[in-house]
PDB file of N, CA and C in Angstrom:
ATOM      1  N   MET A   1      13.921  12.952  -3.036  1.00  0.00           N
ATOM      2  CA  MET A   1      12.548  12.750  -3.319  1.00  0.00           C
ATOM      3  C   MET A   1      12.270  11.245  -1.844  1.00  0.00           C
ATOM      4  N   ARG A   2      11.140  11.740  -0.689  1.00  0.00           N
ATOM      5  CA  ARG A   2      10.849  10.742  -0.563  1.00  0.00           C
ATOM      6  C   ARG A   2      10.393   9.136  -1.009  1.00  0.00           C
ATOM      7  N   ARG A   3      10.623   8.098  -0.130  1.00  0.00           N
ATOM      8  CA  ARG A   3       9.879   7.145  -0.778  1.00  0.00           C
ATOM      9  C   ARG A   3       8.180   6.657  -0.966  1.00  0.00           C
ATOM     10  N   ALA A   4       7.403   7.770  -0.517  1.00  0.00           N
ATOM     11  CA  ALA A   4       5.916   7.966   0.102  1.00  0.00           C
ATOM     12  C   ALA A   4       5.936   8.510  -1.756  1.00  0.00           C
ATOM     13  N   GLN A   5       6.769   9.870  -1.801  1.00  0.00           N
ATOM     14  CA  GLN A   5       6.284  10.606  -2.455  1.00  0.00           C
ATOM     15  C   GLN A   5       6.218  10.279  -4.261  1.00  0.00           C
ATOM     16  N   ARG A   6       7.682  10.068  -3.992  1.00  0.00           N
ATOM     17  CA  ARG A   6       7.860   8.539  -5.383  1.00  0.00           C
ATOM     18  C   ARG A   6       6.688   7.430  -5.914  1.00  0.00           C
ATOM     19  N   ILE A   7       5.900   7.105  -4.939  1.00  0.00           N
ATOM     20  CA  ILE A   7       4.954   5.980  -4.777  1.00  0.00           C
ATOM     21  C   ILE A   7       4.424   6.291  -5.551  1.00  0.00           C
ATOM     22  N   GLN A   8       3.544   7.701  -4.489  1.00  0.00           N
ATOM     23  CA  GLN A   8       2.239   8.511  -5.413  1.00  0.00           C
ATOM     24  C   GLN A   8       2.906   8.926  -6.459  1.00  0.00           C
ATOM     25  N   ASP A   9       3.906   9.607  -7.169  1.00  0.00           N
ATOM     26  CA  ASP A   9       4.023  10.041  -8.414  1.00  0.00           C
ATOM     27  C   ASP A   9       3.850   8.480  -9.449  1.00  0.00           C
ATOM     28  N   LEU A  10       4.518   7.792  -8.799  1.00  0.00           N
ATOM     29  CA  LEU A  10       4.437   6.351  -9.998  1.00  0.00           C
ATOM     30  C   LEU A  10       3.193   6.308 -10.221  1.00  0.00           C
ATOM     31  N   VAL A  11       2.576   5.852  -8.898  1.00  0.00           N
ATOM     32  CA  VAL A  11       1.067   5.383  -9.303  1.00  0.00           C
ATOM     33  C   VAL A  11       0.029   6.204  -9.821  1.00  0.00           C
ATOM     34  N   THR A  12       0.565   7.307  -9.937  1.00  0.00           N
ATOM     35  CA  THR A  12      -0.324   8.207 -10.321  1.00  0.00           C
ATOM     36  C   THR A  12      -0.619   8.392 -11.854  1.00  0.00           C
ATOM     37  N   ARG A  13       0.861   8.327 -11.952  1.00  0.00           N
ATOM     38  CA  ARG A  13       0.796   8.860 -13.470  1.00  0.00           C
ATOM     39  C   ARG A  13       0.304   7.299 -14.288  1.00  0.00           C
ATOM     40  N   GLU A  14       1.165   6.032 -13.751  1.00  0.00           N
ATOM     41  CA  GLU A  14       0.723   5.111 -14.221  1.00  0.00           C
ATOM     42  C   GLU A  14      -0.565   4.711 -14.041  1.00  0.00           C
ATOM     43  N   LEU A  15      -1.935   4.925 -13.070  1.00  0.00           N
ATOM     44  CA  LEU A  15      -2.970   4.368 -12.788  1.00  0.00           C
ATOM     45  C   LEU A  15      -4.371   5.521 -13.023  1.00  0.00           C
ATOM     46  N   ALA A  16      -3.629   6.282 -13.042  1.00  0.00           N
ATOM     47  CA  ALA A  16      -4.745   7.440 -13.451  1.00  0.00           C
ATOM     48  C   ALA A  16      -5.656   7.566 -12.618  1.00  0.00           C
ATOM     49  N   PRO A  17      -5.384   7.504 -11.322  1.00  0.00           N
ATOM     50  CA  PRO A  17      -6.908   6.828 -10.586  1.00  0.00           C
ATOM     51  C   PRO A  17      -7.448   7.825  -9.846  1.00  0.00           C
ATOM     52  N   LEU A  18      -8.954   7.281  -9.740  1.00  0.00           N
ATOM     53  CA  LEU A  18     -10.104   8.066  -9.459  1.00  0.00           C
ATOM     54  C   LEU A  18      -9.594   8.563  -7.964  1.00  0.00           C
ATOM     55  N   HIS A  19      -8.790   7.449  -6.756  1.00  0.00           N
ATOM     56  CA  HIS A  19      -8.414   7.465  -5.390  1.00  0.00           C
ATOM     57  C   HIS A  19      -7.438   7.405  -5.506  1.00  0.00           C
ATOM     58  N   LEU A  20      -6.489   8.024  -4.156  1.00  0.00           N
ATOM     59  CA  LEU A  20      -5.267   7.430  -3.824  1.00  0.00           C
ATOM     60  C   LEU A  20      -5.170   7.870  -2.537  1.00  0.00           C
ATOM     61  N   GLU A  21      -4.714   6.880  -1.907  1.00  0.00           N
ATOM     62  CA  GLU A  21      -4.934   6.813  -0.238  1.00  0.00           C
ATOM     63  C   GLU A  21      -3.314   5.881   0.036  1.00  0.00           C
ATOM     64  N   LEU A  22      -2.439   6.930   0.438  1.00  0.00           N
ATOM     65  CA  LEU A  22      -0.796   6.224   0.540  1.00  0.00           C
ATOM     66  C   LEU A  22      -0.543   6.590   1.854  1.00  0.00           C
ATOM     67  N   VAL A  23      -0.504   5.345   3.197  1.00  0.00           N
ATOM     68  CA  VAL A  23      -0.466   5.912   4.588  1.00  0.00           C
ATOM     69  C   VAL A  23       1.261   4.938   4.800  1.00  0.00           C
ATOM     70  N   ASP A  24       2.523   5.708   5.530  1.00  0.00           N
ATOM     71  CA  ASP A  24       2.751   5.023   5.948  1.00  0.00           C
ATOM     72  C   ASP A  24       2.720   4.746   7.313  1.00  0.00           C
ATOM     73  N   GLU A  25       3.124   3.208   7.138  1.00  0.00           N
ATOM     74  CA  GLU A  25       2.452   2.242   8.608  1.00  0.00           C
ATOM     75  C   GLU A  25       3.625   1.780   8.968  1.00  0.00           C
ATOM     76  N   THR A  26       4.457   2.233   8.714  1.00  0.00           N
ATOM     77  CA  THR A  26       6.346   1.764   9.327  1.00  0.00           C
ATOM     78  C   THR A  26       6.730   2.296  11.133  1.00  0.00           C
ATOM     79  N   HIS A  27       5.686   2.964  11.207  1.00  0.00           N
ATOM     80  CA  HIS A  27       5.983   3.158  13.122  1.00  0.00           C
ATOM     81  C   HIS A  27       5.663   2.339  13.632  1.00  0.00           C
ATOM     82  N   MET A  28       4.161   1.083  13.057  1.00  0.00           N
ATOM     83  CA  MET A  28       3.847  -0.279  13.158  1.00  0.00           C
ATOM     84  C   MET A  28       4.316  -1.238  13.682  1.00  0.00           C
ATOM     85  N   HIS A  29       6.045  -1.406  12.877  1.00  0.00           N
ATOM     86  CA  HIS A  29       6.391  -2.527  12.830  1.00  0.00           C
ATOM     87  C   HIS A  29       7.639  -2.289  13.604  1.00  0.00           C
ATOM     88  N   SER A  30       8.484  -3.242  13.602  1.00  0.00           N
ATOM     89  CA  SER A  30       9.734  -3.438  14.087  1.00  0.00           C
ATOM     90  C   SER A  30      10.803  -2.816  13.434  1.00  0.00           C
ATOM     91  N   ALA A  31      10.477  -1.141  12.712  1.00  0.00           N
ATOM     92  CA  ALA A  31      11.258  -0.667  11.841  1.00  0.00           C
ATOM     93  C   ALA A  31      11.808   0.670  12.290  1.00  0.00           C
ATOM     94  N   PRO A  32      13.266   1.196  11.882  1.00  0.00           N
ATOM     95  CA  PRO A  32      12.957   2.953  11.946  1.00  0.00           C
ATOM     96  C   PRO A  32      11.969   3.751  11.544  1.00  0.00           C
ATOM     97  N   PRO A  33      11.454   4.364  11.793  1.00  0.00           N
ATOM     98  CA  PRO A  33      10.265   5.517  11.590  1.00  0.00           C
ATOM     99  C   PRO A  33      10.642   6.136  10.463  1.00  0.00           C
ATOM    100  N   GLU A  34      11.856   6.626  10.220  1.00  0.00           N
ATOM    101  CA  GLU A  34      12.136   7.272   9.232  1.00  0.00           C
ATOM    102  C   GLU A  34      12.345   6.232   7.900  1.00  0.00           C
ATOM    103  N   GLY A  35      12.477   4.756   8.235  1.00  0.00           N
ATOM    104  CA  GLY A  35      12.578   4.576   6.836  1.00  0.00           C
ATOM    105  C   GLY A  35      11.932   3.419   6.001  1.00  0.00           C
ATOM    106  N   GLU A  36      10.805   4.557   5.986  1.00  0.00           N
ATOM    107  CA  GLU A  36       9.452   4.585   5.169  1.00  0.00           C
ATOM    108  C   GLU A  36       9.717   2.601   4.344  1.00  0.00           C
ATOM    109  N   SER A  37       9.654   1.702   4.849  1.00  0.00           N
ATOM    110  CA  SER A  37       9.382   0.530   4.419  1.00  0.00           C
ATOM    111  C   SER A  37       8.318  -0.294   4.715  1.00  0.00           C
ATOM    112  N   HIS A  38       7.307   0.589   5.428  1.00  0.00           N
ATOM    113  CA  HIS A  38       5.548   0.221   5.436  1.00  0.00           C
ATOM    114  C   HIS A  38       5.152   0.187   4.712  1.00  0.00           C
ATOM    115  N   PHE A  39       3.762   0.575   4.414  1.00  0.00           N
ATOM    116  CA  PHE A  39       2.862   1.366   3.832  1.00  0.00           C
ATOM    117  C   PHE A  39       1.655   0.634   3.696  1.00  0.00           C
ATOM    118  N   ARG A  40       0.365   1.140   3.352  1.00  0.00           N
ATOM    119  CA  ARG A  40      -1.013   0.762   2.551  1.00  0.00           C
ATOM    120  C   ARG A  40      -1.483   1.659   2.019  1.00  0.00           C
ATOM    121  N   LEU A  41      -1.629   1.702   0.875  1.00  0.00           N
ATOM    122  CA  LEU A  41      -1.960   1.552  -0.652  1.00  0.00           C
ATOM    123  C   LEU A  41      -3.169   1.414  -1.038  1.00  0.00           C
ATOM    124  N   LEU A  42      -4.346   2.082  -0.851  1.00  0.00           N
ATOM    125  CA  LEU A  42      -5.706   1.579  -1.922  1.00  0.00           C
ATOM    126  C   LEU A  42      -5.715   2.885  -3.423  1.00  0.00           C
ATOM    127  N   VAL A  43      -5.324   1.834  -3.656  1.00  0.00           N
ATOM    128  CA  VAL A  43      -5.277   2.741  -5.711  1.00  0.00           C
ATOM    129  C   VAL A  43      -7.418   2.318  -6.072  1.00  0.00           C
ATOM    130  N   VAL A  44      -7.943   3.572  -6.408  1.00  0.00           N
ATOM    131  CA  VAL A  44      -9.205   3.389  -6.575  1.00  0.00           C
ATOM    132  C   VAL A  44      -9.084   3.371  -8.852  1.00  0.00           C
ATOM    133  N   SER A  45      -8.989   3.101  -9.487  1.00  0.00           N
ATOM    134  CA  SER A  45      -8.205   3.618 -10.899  1.00  0.00           C
ATOM    135  C   SER A  45      -9.470   1.959 -12.114  1.00  0.00           C
ATOM    136  N   ASP A  46     -10.105   2.686 -12.938  1.00  0.00           N
ATOM    137  CA  ASP A  46     -10.211   2.463 -13.680  1.00  0.00           C
ATOM    138  C   ASP A  46      -9.808   1.082 -15.185  1.00  0.00           C
ATOM    139  N   ARG A  47      -8.240   1.463 -14.863  1.00  0.00           N
ATOM    140  CA  ARG A  47      -7.541   0.288 -15.132  1.00  0.00           C
ATOM    141  C   ARG A  47      -7.339  -1.094 -14.762  1.00  0.00           C
ATOM    142  N   PHE A  48      -7.989  -1.115 -13.313  1.00  0.00           N
ATOM    143  CA  PHE A  48      -8.221  -2.710 -12.556  1.00  0.00           C
ATOM    144  C   PHE A  48      -9.784  -3.717 -13.308  1.00  0.00           C
ATOM    145  N   THR A  49     -10.720  -2.898 -14.138  1.00  0.00           N
ATOM    146  CA  THR A  49     -11.873  -3.105 -14.310  1.00  0.00           C
ATOM    147  C   THR A  49     -12.155  -4.538 -14.765  1.00  0.00           C
ATOM    148  N   PHE A  50     -10.735  -4.895 -15.822  1.00  0.00           N
ATOM    149  CA  PHE A  50     -11.291  -6.290 -16.583  1.00  0.00           C
ATOM    150  C   PHE A  50      -9.741  -7.096 -16.182  1.00  0.00           C
ATOM    151  N   LEU A  51      -8.776  -6.890 -14.809  1.00  0.00           N
ATOM    152  CA  LEU A  51      -8.005  -7.554 -14.068  1.00  0.00           C
ATOM    153  C   LEU A  51      -8.836  -8.152 -13.119  1.00  0.00           C
ATOM    154  N   LYS A  52      -8.728  -9.336 -12.809  1.00  0.00           N
ATOM    155  CA  LYS A  52      -9.049  -9.853 -11.738  1.00  0.00           C
ATOM    156  C   LYS A  52      -7.949  -9.593  -9.966  1.00  0.00           C
ATOM    157  N   PRO A  53      -7.946  -9.432  -9.089  1.00  0.00           N
ATOM    158  CA  PRO A  53      -7.295  -9.208  -7.804  1.00  0.00           C
ATOM    159  C   PRO A  53      -5.796  -9.317  -7.798  1.00  0.00           C
ATOM    160  N   LEU A  54      -5.641 -10.902  -8.294  1.00  0.00           N
ATOM    161  CA  LEU A  54      -4.166 -10.987  -8.424  1.00  0.00           C
ATOM    162  C   LEU A  54      -3.212 -10.547  -9.708  1.00  0.00           C
ATOM    163  N   ALA A  55      -3.962  -9.936 -10.247  1.00  0.00           N
ATOM    164  CA  ALA A  55      -3.179  -9.532 -11.700  1.00  0.00           C
ATOM    165  C   ALA A  55      -3.435  -8.263 -11.368  1.00  0.00           C
ATOM    166  N   ARG A  56      -3.887  -7.384 -10.453  1.00  0.00           N
ATOM    167  CA  ARG A  56      -3.839  -6.184 -10.364  1.00  0.00           C
ATOM    168  C   ARG A  56      -2.792  -6.045  -9.390  1.00  0.00           C
ATOM    169  N   GLN A  57      -2.611  -6.514  -8.524  1.00  0.00           N
ATOM    170  CA  GLN A  57      -1.499  -6.587  -6.840  1.00  0.00           C
ATOM    171  C   GLN A  57      -0.661  -6.313  -7.851  1.00  0.00           C
ATOM    172  N   ARG A  58      -0.378  -7.719  -8.915  1.00  0.00           N
ATOM    173  CA  ARG A  58       0.780  -7.975  -9.304  1.00  0.00           C
ATOM    174  C   ARG A  58       1.430  -6.559 -10.235  1.00  0.00           C
ATOM    175  N   LEU A  59       0.713  -6.142 -10.993  1.00  0.00           N
ATOM    176  CA  LEU A  59       0.780  -4.902 -11.933  1.00  0.00           C
ATOM    177  C   LEU A  59       1.524  -3.948 -10.197  1.00  0.00           C
ATOM    178  N   VAL A  60       0.978  -3.596  -9.911  1.00  0.00           N
ATOM    179  CA  VAL A  60       0.963  -2.951  -8.659  1.00  0.00           C
ATOM    180  C   VAL A  60       2.355  -3.168  -7.895  1.00  0.00           C
ATOM    181  N   ASN A  61       2.620  -3.803  -7.510  1.00  0.00           N
ATOM    182  CA  ASN A  61       4.059  -4.847  -7.332  1.00  0.00           C
ATOM    183  C   ASN A  61       4.996  -4.824  -8.376  1.00  0.00           C
ATOM    184  N   GLY A  62       4.483  -4.501 -10.274  1.00  0.00           N
ATOM    185  CA  GLY A  62       5.864  -4.727 -10.464  1.00  0.00           C
ATOM    186  C   GLY A  62       6.404  -3.389 -10.959  1.00  0.00           C
ATOM    187  N   LEU A  63       5.191  -2.209 -10.827  1.00  0.00           N
ATOM    188  CA  LEU A  63       5.390  -0.598 -10.646  1.00  0.00           C
ATOM    189  C   LEU A  63       6.497  -0.128  -9.987  1.00  0.00           C
ATOM    190  N   LEU A  64       6.602  -1.081  -8.446  1.00  0.00           N
ATOM    191  CA  LEU A  64       7.220  -0.932  -7.848  1.00  0.00           C
ATOM    192  C   LEU A  64       8.477  -1.846  -6.993  1.00  0.00           C
ATOM    193  N   ALA A  65       8.561  -2.088  -8.525  1.00  0.00           N
ATOM    194  CA  ALA A  65       9.861  -3.228  -8.668  1.00  0.00           C
ATOM    195  C   ALA A  65      11.276  -2.269  -7.850  1.00  0.00           C
ATOM    196  N   ALA A  66      11.537  -1.514  -8.215  1.00  0.00           N
ATOM    197  CA  ALA A  66      12.871  -0.985  -7.545  1.00  0.00           C
ATOM    198  C   ALA A  66      12.480  -0.575  -6.210  1.00  0.00           C
ATOM    199  N   GLU A  67      11.153   0.129  -6.046  1.00  0.00           N
ATOM    200  CA  GLU A  67      11.360   0.864  -4.633  1.00  0.00           C
ATOM    201  C   GLU A  67      11.418  -0.817  -3.548  1.00  0.00           C
ATOM    202  N   PHE A  68      11.136  -1.869  -3.608  1.00  0.00           N
ATOM    203  CA  PHE A  68      10.609  -3.318  -2.984  1.00  0.00           C
ATOM    204  C   PHE A  68      12.512  -3.637  -3.231  1.00  0.00           C
ATOM    205  N   ALA A  69      13.564  -3.016  -4.324  1.00  0.00           N
ATOM    206  CA  ALA A  69      14.744  -3.657  -4.627  1.00  0.00           C
ATOM    207  C   ALA A  69      15.465  -2.432  -3.144  1.00  0.00           C
ATOM    208  N   ASN A  70      14.669  -1.072  -3.059  1.00  0.00           N
ATOM    209  CA  ASN A  70      15.667  -0.192  -2.124  1.00  0.00           C
ATOM    210  C   ASN A  70      15.209  -0.104  -1.106  1.00  0.00           C
ATOM    211  N   GLY A  71      14.704  -1.376  -0.659  1.00  0.00           N
ATOM    212  CA  GLY A  71      14.232  -0.628   1.190  1.00  0.00           C
ATOM    213  C   GLY A  71      12.652  -0.913   1.397  1.00  0.00           C
ATOM    214  N   LEU A  72      11.503  -1.234   0.302  1.00  0.00           N
ATOM    215  CA  LEU A  72      10.083  -1.003   0.580  1.00  0.00           C
ATOM    216  C   LEU A  72       9.879  -2.041   1.322  1.00  0.00           C
ATOM    217  N   HIS A  73       9.998  -2.862   2.566  1.00  0.00           N
ATOM    218  CA  HIS A  73       9.508  -3.822   2.460  1.00  0.00           C
ATOM    219  C   HIS A  73       8.472  -4.554   2.935  1.00  0.00           C
ATOM    220  N   ALA A  74       7.606  -3.815   2.919  1.00  0.00           N
ATOM    221  CA  ALA A  74       6.075  -4.155   2.750  1.00  0.00           C
ATOM    222  C   ALA A  74       4.653  -3.925   2.428  1.00  0.00           C
ATOM    223  N   LEU A  75       3.627  -4.284   1.402  1.00  0.00           N
ATOM    224  CA  LEU A  75       2.850  -3.227   1.117  1.00  0.00           C
ATOM    225  C   LEU A  75       1.884  -3.979   1.621  1.00  0.00           C
ATOM    226  N   ALA A  76       0.608  -3.547   1.902  1.00  0.00           N
ATOM    227  CA  ALA A  76      -0.243  -3.596   1.754  1.00  0.00           C
ATOM    228  C   ALA A  76      -1.163  -3.339   1.177  1.00  0.00           C
ATOM    229  N   MET A  77      -2.230  -3.652   0.011  1.00  0.00           N
ATOM    230  CA  MET A  77      -2.724  -3.272  -1.113  1.00  0.00           C
ATOM    231  C   MET A  77      -4.586  -3.538  -0.856  1.00  0.00           C
ATOM    232  N   HIS A  78      -4.996  -1.984  -1.618  1.00  0.00           N
ATOM    233  CA  HIS A  78      -6.439  -2.139  -1.753  1.00  0.00           C
ATOM    234  C   HIS A  78      -6.555  -1.799  -3.431  1.00  0.00           C
ATOM    235  N   THR A  79      -6.485  -2.341  -4.165  1.00  0.00           N
ATOM    236  CA  THR A  79      -6.668  -2.384  -6.164  1.00  0.00           C
ATOM    237  C   THR A  79      -8.463  -1.968  -6.557  1.00  0.00           C
ATOM    238  N   TRP A  80      -8.842  -1.231  -6.278  1.00  0.00           N
ATOM    239  CA  TRP A  80     -10.619  -1.353  -6.645  1.00  0.00           C
ATOM    240  C   TRP A  80     -10.911  -0.497  -7.753  1.00  0.00           C
ATOM    241  N   THR A  81     -12.114  -1.561  -8.476  1.00  0.00           N
ATOM    242  CA  THR A  81     -12.364   0.001  -9.622  1.00  0.00           C
ATOM    243  C   THR A  81     -13.114   0.661  -9.404  1.00  0.00           C
ATOM    244  N   PRO A  82     -13.611   1.857  -9.895  1.00  0.00           N
ATOM    245  CA  PRO A  82     -14.261   2.788  -8.940  1.00  0.00           C
ATOM    246  C   PRO A  82     -15.941   2.468  -8.989  1.00  0.00           C
ATOM    247  N   THR A  83     -16.490   0.915  -9.284  1.00  0.00           N
ATOM    248  CA  THR A  83     -17.260   0.354  -8.445  1.00  0.00           C
ATOM    249  C   THR A  83     -17.087  -0.184  -7.333  1.00  0.00           C
ATOM    250  N   GLU A  84     -16.065  -0.821  -7.432  1.00  0.00           N
ATOM    251  CA  GLU A  84     -15.706  -1.671  -5.817  1.00  0.00           C
ATOM    252  C   GLU A  84     -15.954  -0.611  -5.046  1.00  0.00           C
ATOM    253  N   TRP A  85     -15.305   0.293  -5.780  1.00  0.00           N
ATOM    254  CA  TRP A  85     -14.967   1.564  -4.091  1.00  0.00           C
ATOM    255  C   TRP A  85     -16.148   1.998  -3.600  1.00  0.00           C
ATOM    256  N   PHE A  86     -17.294   2.398  -4.278  1.00  0.00           N
ATOM    257  CA  PHE A  86     -18.295   2.977  -4.149  1.00  0.00           C
ATOM    258  C   PHE A  86     -19.502   1.487  -3.503  1.00  0.00           C
ATOM    259  N   ASP A  87     -19.028   0.317  -4.015  1.00  0.00           N
ATOM    260  CA  ASP A  87     -19.698  -0.580  -3.251  1.00  0.00           C
ATOM    261  C   ASP A  87     -19.334  -0.401  -2.134  1.00  0.00           C
ATOM    262  N   ARG A  88     -18.516  -0.172  -2.084  1.00  0.00           N
ATOM    263  CA  ARG A  88     -17.726   0.047  -0.231  1.00  0.00           C
ATOM    264  C   ARG A  88     -17.660   0.963   0.549  1.00  0.00           C
ATOM    265  N   GLY A  89     -18.440   1.712  -0.208  1.00  0.00           N
ATOM    266  CA  GLY A  89     -18.536   3.392   0.457  1.00  0.00           C
ATOM    267  C   GLY A  89     -17.877   4.244   0.814  1.00  0.00           C
ATOM    268  N   GLY A  90     -16.171   4.165  -0.291  1.00  0.00           N
ATOM    269  CA  GLY A  90     -15.544   4.908  -0.337  1.00  0.00           C
ATOM    270  C   GLY A  90     -14.568   4.860   0.301  1.00  0.00           C
ATOM    271  N   SER A  91     -14.382   3.765   1.277  1.00  0.00           N
ATOM    272  CA  SER A  91     -13.368   3.459   2.269  1.00  0.00           C
ATOM    273  C   SER A  91     -12.511   2.259   2.614  1.00  0.00           C
ATOM    274  N   ALA A  92     -11.582   1.936   2.939  1.00  0.00           N
ATOM    275  CA  ALA A  92     -10.871   0.885   3.011  1.00  0.00           C
ATOM    276  C   ALA A  92     -10.685   0.674   4.493  1.00  0.00           C
ATOM    277  N   PRO A  93     -10.723  -0.879   4.583  1.00  0.00           N
ATOM    278  CA  PRO A  93      -9.695  -1.552   6.113  1.00  0.00           C
ATOM    279  C   PRO A  93      -8.647  -0.645   6.408  1.00  0.00           C
ATOM    280  N   GLU A  94      -8.508  -0.866   7.326  1.00  0.00           N
ATOM    281  CA  GLU A  94      -7.448  -0.192   8.775  1.00  0.00           C
ATOM    282  C   GLU A  94      -6.667  -1.291   8.569  1.00  0.00           C
ATOM    283  N   SER A  95      -5.360  -1.207   9.184  1.00  0.00           N
ATOM    284  CA  SER A  95      -4.184  -2.369   8.880  1.00  0.00           C
ATOM    285  C   SER A  95      -4.214  -2.528  10.078  1.00  0.00           C
ATOM    286  N   PRO A  96      -4.291  -4.128  10.539  1.00  0.00           N
ATOM    287  CA  PRO A  96      -4.419  -4.380  11.445  1.00  0.00           C
ATOM    288  C   PRO A  96      -2.369  -4.821  11.932  1.00  0.00           C
ATOM    289  N   PRO A  97      -2.754  -4.646  13.784  1.00  0.00           N
ATOM    290  CA  PRO A  97      -1.334  -4.040  14.282  1.00  0.00           C
ATOM    291  C   PRO A  97      -0.673  -5.458  14.568  1.00  0.00           C
ATOM    292  N   CYS A  98       0.966  -5.060  13.840  1.00  0.00           N
ATOM    293  CA  CYS A  98       2.124  -5.862  13.481  1.00  0.00           C
ATOM    294  C   CYS A  98       1.846  -6.883  14.804  1.00  0.00           C
ATOM    295  N   LEU A  99       2.278  -8.004  14.534  1.00  0.00           N
ATOM    296  CA  LEU A  99       2.954  -9.028  15.417  1.00  0.00           C
ATOM    297  C   LEU A  99       4.424  -9.428  15.184  1.00  0.00           C
ATOM    298  N   GLY A 100       4.763  -9.220  14.317  1.00  0.00           N
ATOM    299  CA  GLY A 100       6.016  -9.482  14.114  1.00  0.00           C
ATOM    300  C   GLY A 100       7.413  -8.713  15.195  1.00  0.00           C
ATOM    301  N   GLY A 101       8.972  -9.257  14.634  1.00  0.00           N
ATOM    302  CA  GLY A 101       9.903  -8.903  14.563  1.00  0.00           C
ATOM    303  C   GLY A 101       9.658  -8.854  16.513  1.00  0.00           C
ATOM    304  N   GLY A 102       9.473 -10.034  17.275  1.00  0.00           N
ATOM    305  CA  GLY A 102       9.642  -9.804  18.481  1.00  0.00           C
ATOM    306  C   GLY A 102       8.704  -8.768  19.225  1.00  0.00           C
ATOM    307  N   LYS A 103       7.518  -8.485  18.458  1.00  0.00           N
ATOM    308  CA  LYS A 103       6.583  -7.943  18.950  1.00  0.00           C
ATOM    309  C   LYS A 103       5.569  -8.867  19.785  1.00  0.00           C
ATOM    310  N   THR A 104       5.035  -8.213  21.311  1.00  0.00           N
ATOM    311  CA  THR A 104       3.886  -8.899  21.693  1.00  0.00           C
ATOM    312  C   THR A 104       2.276  -8.271  21.249  1.00  0.00           C
ATOM    313  N   GLY A 105       1.398  -9.062  21.903  1.00  0.00           N
ATOM    314  CA  GLY A 105       0.368  -8.727  21.354  1.00  0.00           C
ATOM    315  C   GLY A 105      -0.794  -7.421  21.698  1.00  0.00           C
ATOM    316  N   ASP A 106       0.265  -6.788  22.894  1.00  0.00           N
ATOM    317  CA  ASP A 106      -0.078  -5.386  22.642  1.00  0.00           C
ATOM    318  C   ASP A 106       1.020  -4.308  22.176  1.00  0.00           C
ATOM    319  N   GLY A 107       1.400  -5.274  20.806  1.00  0.00           N
ATOM    320  CA  GLY A 107       2.233  -4.160  20.547  1.00  0.00           C
ATOM    321  C   GLY A 107       3.747  -3.791  20.870  1.00  0.00           C
ATOM    322  N   VAL A 108       4.169  -4.284  22.487  1.00  0.00           N
ATOM    323  CA  VAL A 108       5.402  -3.584  23.066  1.00  0.00           C
ATOM    324  C   VAL A 108       6.260  -4.900  22.479  1.00  0.00           C
ATOM    325  N   LYS A 109       7.549  -4.738  22.142  1.00  0.00           N
ATOM    326  CA  LYS A 109       8.879  -5.437  22.296  1.00  0.00           C
ATOM    327  C   LYS A 109       9.288  -6.126  23.410  1.00  0.00           C
ATOM    328  N   GLY A 110       9.057  -7.660  22.891  1.00  0.00           N
ATOM    329  CA  GLY A 110       8.488  -8.762  23.583  1.00  0.00           C
ATOM    330  C   GLY A 110      10.187  -9.166  24.524  1.00  0.00           C
TER     331      GLY A 110
END
């Protein structure tokens, strides 16, 4: 099973999200595209209702500890309650371009 599917299954099972988006952004970084090492995750769940943003992110990081230990390098997270999701119009911001790993501002390796 691929990493993306494992992440989706685990988050779905543990957080029962109203909405879930998982985008593999590995191709935007200095990493092999097949490595599934960089993701953007949007989770909308009632489980976040009484948690502060940092506690939400810690919860998700804890769920994915095994993935981080086995090659998951970066996870951009949006962890929202249903109210926050609807207040934001049902969409999350896109990730900015990666400038790390020897890339220049135009996305080309320097």
